[in-house]
Amino acid sequence: MPRKSTYSTPTDHSHQCLQYLRLCGGSARLCTLKFSLSVIQTLVNRKLVKINNTGAGFFVELEDTK
């Protein structure tokens, strides 16, 4: 019988994606992100980020929290 791990393994990398966007100044090109589309979709559903089409490409931007 396999042992259970005592260390928590994060299956959702949304926190790392948010940190990356903060380090990039709040926005990054969608094609340069190395996170899965499900992680980005989760952040969009939570209304933490938005996708913006600038005509030169799609950008993922942090939502303005007021």
N, C-alpha and C. Protein backbone atom coordinates (compact mmCIF):
# COMPACT_ATOMS: atom_id res chain seq x y z
N MET A 1 0.85 -1.18 0.00
CA MET A 1 0.00 0.00 0.00
C MET A 1 0.90 1.24 0.00
N PRO A 2 0.67 2.18 -0.93
CA PRO A 2 1.52 3.38 -0.99
C PRO A 2 1.26 4.30 0.19
N ARG A 3 2.30 4.95 0.61
CA ARG A 3 2.19 5.91 1.71
C ARG A 3 1.65 7.23 1.21
N LYS A 4 0.92 7.89 2.07
CA LYS A 4 0.42 9.22 1.74
C LYS A 4 1.51 10.24 2.07
N SER A 5 1.62 11.23 1.24
CA SER A 5 2.61 12.27 1.45
C SER A 5 2.16 13.20 2.58
N THR A 6 3.09 13.63 3.39
CA THR A 6 2.78 14.57 4.46
C THR A 6 2.90 16.00 3.98
N TYR A 7 3.46 16.19 2.78
CA TYR A 7 3.63 17.52 2.22
C TYR A 7 2.46 17.84 1.30
N SER A 8 1.95 19.04 1.42
CA SER A 8 0.84 19.43 0.54
C SER A 8 1.39 19.78 -0.83
N THR A 9 0.77 19.26 -1.85
CA THR A 9 1.19 19.56 -3.22
C THR A 9 0.11 20.41 -3.86
N PRO A 10 0.45 21.64 -4.21
CA PRO A 10 -0.57 22.49 -4.82
C PRO A 10 -0.88 22.04 -6.23
N THR A 11 -2.14 21.78 -6.50
CA THR A 11 -2.54 21.38 -7.84
C THR A 11 -2.98 22.58 -8.66
N ASP A 12 -3.26 23.68 -7.98
CA ASP A 12 -3.67 24.89 -8.67
C ASP A 12 -2.53 25.90 -8.61
N HIS A 13 -2.02 26.30 -9.75
CA HIS A 13 -0.88 27.21 -9.81
C HIS A 13 -1.32 28.65 -10.02
N SER A 14 -2.55 28.97 -9.63
CA SER A 14 -3.06 30.32 -9.85
C SER A 14 -2.31 31.35 -9.01
N HIS A 15 -1.87 30.96 -7.83
CA HIS A 15 -1.13 31.89 -6.98
C HIS A 15 0.20 32.28 -7.63
N GLN A 16 0.89 31.31 -8.23
CA GLN A 16 2.15 31.59 -8.90
C GLN A 16 1.93 32.47 -10.13
N CYS A 17 0.81 32.26 -10.82
CA CYS A 17 0.49 33.08 -11.98
C CYS A 17 0.24 34.53 -11.56
N LEU A 18 -0.46 34.72 -10.47
CA LEU A 18 -0.70 36.08 -9.96
C LEU A 18 0.61 36.75 -9.55
N GLN A 19 1.50 36.01 -8.90
CA GLN A 19 2.79 36.56 -8.52
C GLN A 19 3.59 36.96 -9.75
N TYR A 20 3.57 36.12 -10.78
CA TYR A 20 4.28 36.41 -12.01
C TYR A 20 3.76 37.69 -12.66
N LEU A 21 2.44 37.85 -12.69
CA LEU A 21 1.86 39.05 -13.28
C LEU A 21 2.22 40.29 -12.48
N ARG A 22 2.27 40.17 -11.17
CA ARG A 22 2.67 41.32 -10.34
C ARG A 22 4.11 41.71 -10.61
N LEU A 23 4.98 40.71 -10.80
CA LEU A 23 6.38 40.99 -11.08
C LEU A 23 6.57 41.59 -12.47
N CYS A 24 5.66 41.30 -13.40
CA CYS A 24 5.74 41.82 -14.76
C CYS A 24 5.10 43.19 -14.88
N GLY A 25 4.67 43.77 -13.81
CA GLY A 25 4.06 45.09 -13.86
C GLY A 25 2.56 45.07 -14.03
N GLY A 26 1.94 43.92 -13.87
CA GLY A 26 0.48 43.85 -13.92
C GLY A 26 -0.08 43.28 -15.20
N SER A 27 0.75 43.10 -16.23
CA SER A 27 0.25 42.52 -17.47
C SER A 27 1.38 41.77 -18.18
N ALA A 28 0.97 40.79 -18.97
CA ALA A 28 1.91 40.00 -19.76
C ALA A 28 1.18 39.46 -20.97
N ARG A 29 1.92 39.23 -22.05
CA ARG A 29 1.33 38.66 -23.25
C ARG A 29 0.88 37.24 -22.95
N LEU A 30 -0.28 36.89 -23.46
CA LEU A 30 -0.84 35.57 -23.22
C LEU A 30 0.06 34.48 -23.78
N CYS A 31 0.69 34.72 -24.93
CA CYS A 31 1.52 33.69 -25.55
C CYS A 31 2.82 33.45 -24.80
N THR A 32 3.23 34.36 -23.92
CA THR A 32 4.48 34.17 -23.18
C THR A 32 4.27 33.48 -21.84
N LEU A 33 3.03 33.36 -21.39
CA LEU A 33 2.76 32.71 -20.11
C LEU A 33 2.96 31.21 -20.23
N LYS A 34 3.60 30.64 -19.26
CA LYS A 34 3.85 29.20 -19.24
C LYS A 34 2.86 28.46 -18.36
N PHE A 35 1.77 29.12 -18.01
CA PHE A 35 0.74 28.49 -17.19
C PHE A 35 -0.34 27.92 -18.10
N SER A 36 -1.01 26.90 -17.63
CA SER A 36 -2.03 26.26 -18.46
C SER A 36 -3.24 27.19 -18.62
N LEU A 37 -4.00 26.92 -19.66
CA LEU A 37 -5.18 27.73 -19.91
C LEU A 37 -6.23 27.56 -18.82
N SER A 38 -6.25 26.41 -18.16
CA SER A 38 -7.21 26.22 -17.08
C SER A 38 -6.88 27.10 -15.88
N VAL A 39 -5.60 27.34 -15.63
CA VAL A 39 -5.21 28.24 -14.54
C VAL A 39 -5.64 29.66 -14.87
N ILE A 40 -5.41 30.08 -16.11
CA ILE A 40 -5.79 31.43 -16.52
C ILE A 40 -7.31 31.57 -16.50
N GLN A 41 -8.02 30.53 -16.95
CA GLN A 41 -9.48 30.57 -16.93
C GLN A 41 -10.01 30.66 -15.51
N THR A 42 -9.37 29.98 -14.57
CA THR A 42 -9.77 30.05 -13.17
C THR A 42 -9.63 31.47 -12.64
N LEU A 43 -8.54 32.13 -13.00
CA LEU A 43 -8.33 33.51 -12.55
C LEU A 43 -9.34 34.46 -13.18
N VAL A 44 -9.70 34.22 -14.43
CA VAL A 44 -10.71 35.05 -15.09
C VAL A 44 -12.07 34.84 -14.42
N ASN A 45 -12.40 33.58 -14.12
CA ASN A 45 -13.68 33.29 -13.46
C ASN A 45 -13.76 33.91 -12.08
N ARG A 46 -12.65 33.99 -11.38
CA ARG A 46 -12.61 34.62 -10.05
C ARG A 46 -12.55 36.13 -10.15
N LYS A 47 -12.46 36.65 -11.37
CA LYS A 47 -12.38 38.09 -11.65
C LYS A 47 -11.14 38.72 -11.02
N LEU A 48 -10.03 37.98 -11.07
CA LEU A 48 -8.75 38.50 -10.60
C LEU A 48 -7.92 39.05 -11.75
N VAL A 49 -8.14 38.53 -12.96
CA VAL A 49 -7.45 39.01 -14.15
C VAL A 49 -8.47 39.20 -15.27
N LYS A 50 -8.06 39.93 -16.29
CA LYS A 50 -8.89 40.08 -17.48
C LYS A 50 -8.00 39.92 -18.71
N ILE A 51 -8.61 39.53 -19.81
CA ILE A 51 -7.91 39.36 -21.07
C ILE A 51 -8.23 40.58 -21.93
N ASN A 52 -7.19 41.21 -22.45
CA ASN A 52 -7.36 42.42 -23.25
C ASN A 52 -6.74 42.20 -24.62
N ASN A 53 -7.51 42.46 -25.68
CA ASN A 53 -7.01 42.38 -27.04
C ASN A 53 -6.60 43.78 -27.48
N THR A 54 -5.30 44.00 -27.67
CA THR A 54 -4.80 45.32 -28.03
C THR A 54 -4.67 45.51 -29.53
N GLY A 55 -4.96 44.48 -30.31
CA GLY A 55 -4.75 44.55 -31.74
C GLY A 55 -3.39 44.01 -32.12
N ALA A 56 -2.45 44.04 -31.20
CA ALA A 56 -1.12 43.50 -31.42
C ALA A 56 -0.94 42.18 -30.69
N GLY A 57 -1.99 41.70 -30.05
CA GLY A 57 -1.93 40.46 -29.31
C GLY A 57 -2.83 40.52 -28.09
N PHE A 58 -2.95 39.39 -27.46
CA PHE A 58 -3.77 39.29 -26.26
C PHE A 58 -2.89 39.44 -25.03
N PHE A 59 -3.35 40.24 -24.08
CA PHE A 59 -2.63 40.47 -22.84
C PHE A 59 -3.49 40.03 -21.67
N VAL A 60 -2.86 39.45 -20.67
CA VAL A 60 -3.50 39.11 -19.40
C VAL A 60 -3.13 40.21 -18.43
N GLU A 61 -4.14 40.86 -17.88
CA GLU A 61 -3.91 41.99 -16.97
C GLU A 61 -4.59 41.75 -15.65
N LEU A 62 -3.97 42.22 -14.61
CA LEU A 62 -4.58 42.16 -13.29
C LEU A 62 -5.77 43.10 -13.25
N GLU A 63 -6.85 42.66 -12.61
CA GLU A 63 -8.03 43.52 -12.43
C GLU A 63 -7.70 44.62 -11.43
N ASP A 64 -8.25 45.79 -11.64
CA ASP A 64 -8.09 46.87 -10.69
C ASP A 64 -9.02 46.64 -9.53
N THR A 65 -8.46 46.45 -8.35
CA THR A 65 -9.29 46.28 -7.15
C THR A 65 -9.41 47.60 -6.46
N LYS A 66 -10.63 47.99 -6.20
CA LYS A 66 -10.86 49.30 -5.57
C LYS A 66 -11.44 49.13 -4.21
